[in-house]
Amino acid sequence: MGRNHARTPAGLRVLRESPSLAAAPAVCVAGVVLDLVWVLGLGAWLLIAAILMELVYRP
């Protein structure tokens, strides 16, 4: 493999954080089911962070 295929520290960090941000829909659903607005808000912010991360970081 060439130099272009090596993972950068930023790339590794994104790969580590992606699964945690993938939990955003589950947190949103839990907020709706439990009728807790702050949990729903937390899920919404996690979803926004995941979308921004996908827009900024393109592998």
PDB file of N, CA and C in Angstrom:
ATOM      1  N   MET A   1       0.840  -1.186   0.000  1.00  0.00           N
ATOM      2  CA  MET A   1       0.000   0.000   0.000  1.00  0.00           C
ATOM      3  C   MET A   1       0.880   1.243   0.000  1.00  0.00           C
ATOM      4  N   GLY A   2       0.406   2.250  -0.651  1.00  0.00           N
ATOM      5  CA  GLY A   2       1.145   3.492  -0.739  1.00  0.00           C
ATOM      6  C   GLY A   2       0.897   4.391   0.457  1.00  0.00           C
ATOM      7  N   ARG A   3       1.540   5.529   0.432  1.00  0.00           N
ATOM      8  CA  ARG A   3       1.388   6.484   1.532  1.00  0.00           C
ATOM      9  C   ARG A   3      -0.026   7.023   1.634  1.00  0.00           C
ATOM     10  N   ASN A   4      -0.737   7.087   0.520  1.00  0.00           N
ATOM     11  CA  ASN A   4      -2.078   7.681   0.526  1.00  0.00           C
ATOM     12  C   ASN A   4      -3.107   6.805   1.230  1.00  0.00           C
ATOM     13  N   HIS A   5      -2.755   5.554   1.475  1.00  0.00           N
ATOM     14  CA  HIS A   5      -3.717   4.651   2.110  1.00  0.00           C
ATOM     15  C   HIS A   5      -3.546   4.568   3.622  1.00  0.00           C
ATOM     16  N   ALA A   6      -2.569   5.265   4.158  1.00  0.00           N
ATOM     17  CA  ALA A   6      -2.343   5.236   5.606  1.00  0.00           C
ATOM     18  C   ALA A   6      -3.411   6.066   6.320  1.00  0.00           C
ATOM     19  N   ARG A   7      -3.791   5.626   7.486  1.00  0.00           N
ATOM     20  CA  ARG A   7      -4.791   6.346   8.278  1.00  0.00           C
ATOM     21  C   ARG A   7      -4.119   7.476   9.045  1.00  0.00           C
ATOM     22  N   THR A   8      -4.737   8.636   8.999  1.00  0.00           N
ATOM     23  CA  THR A   8      -4.232   9.774   9.760  1.00  0.00           C
ATOM     24  C   THR A   8      -4.816   9.734  11.166  1.00  0.00           C
ATOM     25  N   PRO A   9      -4.214  10.449  12.125  1.00  0.00           N
ATOM     26  CA  PRO A   9      -4.797  10.488  13.472  1.00  0.00           C
ATOM     27  C   PRO A   9      -6.235  11.018  13.469  1.00  0.00           C
ATOM     28  N   ALA A  10      -6.519  12.003  12.615  1.00  0.00           N
ATOM     29  CA  ALA A  10      -7.884  12.532  12.546  1.00  0.00           C
ATOM     30  C   ALA A  10      -8.840  11.475  12.004  1.00  0.00           C
ATOM     31  N   GLY A  11      -8.380  10.716  11.022  1.00  0.00           N
ATOM     32  CA  GLY A  11      -9.213   9.656  10.458  1.00  0.00           C
ATOM     33  C   GLY A  11      -9.525   8.575  11.471  1.00  0.00           C
ATOM     34  N   LEU A  12      -8.528   8.216  12.270  1.00  0.00           N
ATOM     35  CA  LEU A  12      -8.750   7.214  13.308  1.00  0.00           C
ATOM     36  C   LEU A  12      -9.711   7.728  14.374  1.00  0.00           C
ATOM     37  N   ARG A  13      -9.605   9.016  14.699  1.00  0.00           N
ATOM     38  CA  ARG A  13     -10.503   9.597  15.702  1.00  0.00           C
ATOM     39  C   ARG A  13     -11.945   9.577  15.206  1.00  0.00           C
ATOM     40  N   VAL A  14     -12.153   9.891  13.925  1.00  0.00           N
ATOM     41  CA  VAL A  14     -13.501   9.880  13.366  1.00  0.00           C
ATOM     42  C   VAL A  14     -14.066   8.469  13.375  1.00  0.00           C
ATOM     43  N   LEU A  15     -13.233   7.491  13.034  1.00  0.00           N
ATOM     44  CA  LEU A  15     -13.701   6.108  13.068  1.00  0.00           C
ATOM     45  C   LEU A  15     -14.081   5.665  14.473  1.00  0.00           C
ATOM     46  N   ARG A  16     -13.375   6.183  15.488  1.00  0.00           N
ATOM     47  CA  ARG A  16     -13.709   5.850  16.881  1.00  0.00           C
ATOM     48  C   ARG A  16     -14.989   6.523  17.329  1.00  0.00           C
ATOM     49  N   GLU A  17     -15.233   7.761  16.866  1.00  0.00           N
ATOM     50  CA  GLU A  17     -16.390   8.518  17.336  1.00  0.00           C
ATOM     51  C   GLU A  17     -17.666   8.192  16.568  1.00  0.00           C
ATOM     52  N   SER A  18     -17.557   7.656  15.379  1.00  0.00           N
ATOM     53  CA  SER A  18     -18.733   7.397  14.555  1.00  0.00           C
ATOM     54  C   SER A  18     -19.754   6.463  15.215  1.00  0.00           C
ATOM     55  N   PRO A  19     -19.342   5.352  15.809  1.00  0.00           N
ATOM     56  CA  PRO A  19     -20.349   4.495  16.446  1.00  0.00           C
ATOM     57  C   PRO A  19     -21.089   5.190  17.595  1.00  0.00           C
ATOM     58  N   SER A  20     -20.384   6.047  18.320  1.00  0.00           N
ATOM     59  CA  SER A  20     -21.051   6.739  19.421  1.00  0.00           C
ATOM     60  C   SER A  20     -22.088   7.727  18.875  1.00  0.00           C
ATOM     61  N   LEU A  21     -21.801   8.335  17.733  1.00  0.00           N
ATOM     62  CA  LEU A  21     -22.766   9.254  17.149  1.00  0.00           C
ATOM     63  C   LEU A  21     -23.887   8.506  16.432  1.00  0.00           C
ATOM     64  N   ALA A  22     -23.662   7.254  16.101  1.00  0.00           N
ATOM     65  CA  ALA A  22     -24.706   6.460  15.470  1.00  0.00           C
ATOM     66  C   ALA A  22     -25.834   6.144  16.449  1.00  0.00           C
ATOM     67  N   ALA A  23     -25.601   6.356  17.728  1.00  0.00           N
ATOM     68  CA  ALA A  23     -26.621   6.111  18.745  1.00  0.00           C
ATOM     69  C   ALA A  23     -27.640   7.252  18.824  1.00  0.00           C
ATOM     70  N   ALA A  24     -27.444   8.305  18.050  1.00  0.00           N
ATOM     71  CA  ALA A  24     -28.325   9.477  18.115  1.00  0.00           C
ATOM     72  C   ALA A  24     -29.799   9.132  17.868  1.00  0.00           C
ATOM     73  N   PRO A  25     -30.139   8.340  16.848  1.00  0.00           N
ATOM     74  CA  PRO A  25     -31.565   8.005  16.673  1.00  0.00           C
ATOM     75  C   PRO A  25     -32.165   7.249  17.858  1.00  0.00           C
ATOM     76  N   ALA A  26     -31.361   6.362  18.467  1.00  0.00           N
ATOM     77  CA  ALA A  26     -31.860   5.622  19.628  1.00  0.00           C
ATOM     78  C   ALA A  26     -32.116   6.557  20.804  1.00  0.00           C
ATOM     79  N   VAL A  27     -31.251   7.551  20.984  1.00  0.00           N
ATOM     80  CA  VAL A  27     -31.437   8.516  22.067  1.00  0.00           C
ATOM     81  C   VAL A  27     -32.681   9.356  21.806  1.00  0.00           C
ATOM     82  N   CYS A  28     -32.910   9.736  20.549  1.00  0.00           N
ATOM     83  CA  CYS A  28     -34.114  10.507  20.198  1.00  0.00           C
ATOM     84  C   CYS A  28     -35.380   9.704  20.488  1.00  0.00           C
ATOM     85  N   VAL A  29     -35.364   8.448  20.091  1.00  0.00           N
ATOM     86  CA  VAL A  29     -36.537   7.590  20.334  1.00  0.00           C
ATOM     87  C   VAL A  29     -36.759   7.406  21.830  1.00  0.00           C
ATOM     88  N   ALA A  30     -35.682   7.219  22.586  1.00  0.00           N
ATOM     89  CA  ALA A  30     -35.820   7.076  24.039  1.00  0.00           C
ATOM     90  C   ALA A  30     -36.413   8.337  24.649  1.00  0.00           C
ATOM     91  N   GLY A  31     -36.017   9.496  24.141  1.00  0.00           N
ATOM     92  CA  GLY A  31     -36.582  10.748  24.645  1.00  0.00           C
ATOM     93  C   GLY A  31     -38.073  10.859  24.388  1.00  0.00           C
ATOM     94  N   VAL A  32     -38.493  10.410  23.197  1.00  0.00           N
ATOM     95  CA  VAL A  32     -39.930  10.452  22.883  1.00  0.00           C
ATOM     96  C   VAL A  32     -40.699   9.447  23.729  1.00  0.00           C
ATOM     97  N   VAL A  33     -40.176   8.229  23.843  1.00  0.00           N
ATOM     98  CA  VAL A  33     -40.872   7.171  24.600  1.00  0.00           C
ATOM     99  C   VAL A  33     -40.971   7.533  26.082  1.00  0.00           C
ATOM    100  N   LEU A  34     -39.882   8.056  26.637  1.00  0.00           N
ATOM    101  CA  LEU A  34     -39.880   8.402  28.056  1.00  0.00           C
ATOM    102  C   LEU A  34     -40.467   9.771  28.344  1.00  0.00           C
ATOM    103  N   ASP A  35     -40.817  10.498  27.284  1.00  0.00           N
ATOM    104  CA  ASP A  35     -41.403  11.835  27.393  1.00  0.00           C
ATOM    105  C   ASP A  35     -40.479  12.778  28.155  1.00  0.00           C
ATOM    106  N   LEU A  36     -39.182  12.697  27.834  1.00  0.00           N
ATOM    107  CA  LEU A  36     -38.176  13.570  28.434  1.00  0.00           C
ATOM    108  C   LEU A  36     -37.590  14.457  27.338  1.00  0.00           C
ATOM    109  N   VAL A  37     -37.871  15.730  27.419  1.00  0.00           N
ATOM    110  CA  VAL A  37     -37.453  16.659  26.374  1.00  0.00           C
ATOM    111  C   VAL A  37     -35.935  16.805  26.341  1.00  0.00           C
ATOM    112  N   TRP A  38     -35.280  16.773  27.490  1.00  0.00           N
ATOM    113  CA  TRP A  38     -33.836  16.964  27.481  1.00  0.00           C
ATOM    114  C   TRP A  38     -33.130  15.795  26.820  1.00  0.00           C
ATOM    115  N   VAL A  39     -33.674  14.579  26.935  1.00  0.00           N
ATOM    116  CA  VAL A  39     -33.081  13.424  26.256  1.00  0.00           C
ATOM    117  C   VAL A  39     -33.295  13.543  24.751  1.00  0.00           C
ATOM    118  N   LEU A  40     -34.464  14.002  24.357  1.00  0.00           N
ATOM    119  CA  LEU A  40     -34.741  14.238  22.942  1.00  0.00           C
ATOM    120  C   LEU A  40     -33.807  15.311  22.389  1.00  0.00           C
ATOM    121  N   GLY A  41     -33.587  16.372  23.156  1.00  0.00           N
ATOM    122  CA  GLY A  41     -32.664  17.424  22.734  1.00  0.00           C
ATOM    123  C   GLY A  41     -31.236  16.919  22.608  1.00  0.00           C
ATOM    124  N   LEU A  42     -30.811  16.068  23.539  1.00  0.00           N
ATOM    125  CA  LEU A  42     -29.482  15.480  23.467  1.00  0.00           C
ATOM    126  C   LEU A  42     -29.338  14.638  22.201  1.00  0.00           C
ATOM    127  N   GLY A  43     -30.342  13.857  21.899  1.00  0.00           N
ATOM    128  CA  GLY A  43     -30.315  13.052  20.676  1.00  0.00           C
ATOM    129  C   GLY A  43     -30.272  13.918  19.430  1.00  0.00           C
ATOM    130  N   ALA A  44     -30.995  15.030  19.452  1.00  0.00           N
ATOM    131  CA  ALA A  44     -30.977  15.941  18.304  1.00  0.00           C
ATOM    132  C   ALA A  44     -29.592  16.543  18.116  1.00  0.00           C
ATOM    133  N   TRP A  45     -28.934  16.945  19.195  1.00  0.00           N
ATOM    134  CA  TRP A  45     -27.592  17.517  19.081  1.00  0.00           C
ATOM    135  C   TRP A  45     -26.583  16.472  18.628  1.00  0.00           C
ATOM    136  N   LEU A  46     -26.739  15.236  19.073  1.00  0.00           N
ATOM    137  CA  LEU A  46     -25.870  14.162  18.596  1.00  0.00           C
ATOM    138  C   LEU A  46     -26.057  13.934  17.105  1.00  0.00           C
ATOM    139  N   LEU A  47     -27.296  14.004  16.654  1.00  0.00           N
ATOM    140  CA  LEU A  47     -27.581  13.835  15.227  1.00  0.00           C
ATOM    141  C   LEU A  47     -26.980  14.979  14.411  1.00  0.00           C
ATOM    142  N   ILE A  48     -27.087  16.193  14.911  1.00  0.00           N
ATOM    143  CA  ILE A  48     -26.484  17.343  14.234  1.00  0.00           C
ATOM    144  C   ILE A  48     -24.969  17.173  14.172  1.00  0.00           C
ATOM    145  N   ALA A  49     -24.353  16.727  15.259  1.00  0.00           N
ATOM    146  CA  ALA A  49     -22.908  16.519  15.266  1.00  0.00           C
ATOM    147  C   ALA A  49     -22.493  15.445  14.269  1.00  0.00           C
ATOM    148  N   ALA A  50     -23.284  14.383  14.158  1.00  0.00           N
ATOM    149  CA  ALA A  50     -22.961  13.321  13.205  1.00  0.00           C
ATOM    150  C   ALA A  50     -23.046  13.823  11.770  1.00  0.00           C
ATOM    151  N   ILE A  51     -24.061  14.630  11.477  1.00  0.00           N
ATOM    152  CA  ILE A  51     -24.205  15.167  10.127  1.00  0.00           C
ATOM    153  C   ILE A  51     -23.057  16.116   9.797  1.00  0.00           C
ATOM    154  N   LEU A  52     -22.711  16.981  10.730  1.00  0.00           N
ATOM    155  CA  LEU A  52     -21.598  17.907  10.492  1.00  0.00           C
ATOM    156  C   LEU A  52     -20.275  17.160  10.326  1.00  0.00           C
ATOM    157  N   MET A  53     -20.084  16.114  11.099  1.00  0.00           N
ATOM    158  CA  MET A  53     -18.862  15.338  10.974  1.00  0.00           C
ATOM    159  C   MET A  53     -18.776  14.681   9.598  1.00  0.00           C
ATOM    160  N   GLU A  54     -19.904  14.174   9.099  1.00  0.00           N
ATOM    161  CA  GLU A  54     -19.913  13.573   7.769  1.00  0.00           C
ATOM    162  C   GLU A  54     -19.667  14.614   6.690  1.00  0.00           C
ATOM    163  N   LEU A  55     -20.183  15.824   6.885  1.00  0.00           N
ATOM    164  CA  LEU A  55     -19.973  16.876   5.887  1.00  0.00           C
ATOM    165  C   LEU A  55     -18.527  17.361   5.858  1.00  0.00           C
ATOM    166  N   VAL A  56     -17.913  17.461   7.030  1.00  0.00           N
ATOM    167  CA  VAL A  56     -16.568  18.005   7.113  1.00  0.00           C
ATOM    168  C   VAL A  56     -15.530  16.933   6.747  1.00  0.00           C
ATOM    169  N   TYR A  57     -15.681  15.729   7.259  1.00  0.00           N
ATOM    170  CA  TYR A  57     -14.692  14.693   7.048  1.00  0.00           C
ATOM    171  C   TYR A  57     -15.177  13.750   5.967  1.00  0.00           C
ATOM    172  N   ARG A  58     -14.493  13.725   4.860  1.00  0.00           N
ATOM    173  CA  ARG A  58     -14.789  12.783   3.778  1.00  0.00           C
ATOM    174  C   ARG A  58     -13.578  11.898   3.584  1.00  0.00           C
ATOM    175  N   PRO A  59     -13.701  10.586   3.832  1.00  0.00           N
ATOM    176  CA  PRO A  59     -12.532   9.686   3.678  1.00  0.00           C
ATOM    177  C   PRO A  59     -12.117   9.556   2.225  1.00  0.00           C
TER     178      PRO A  59
END
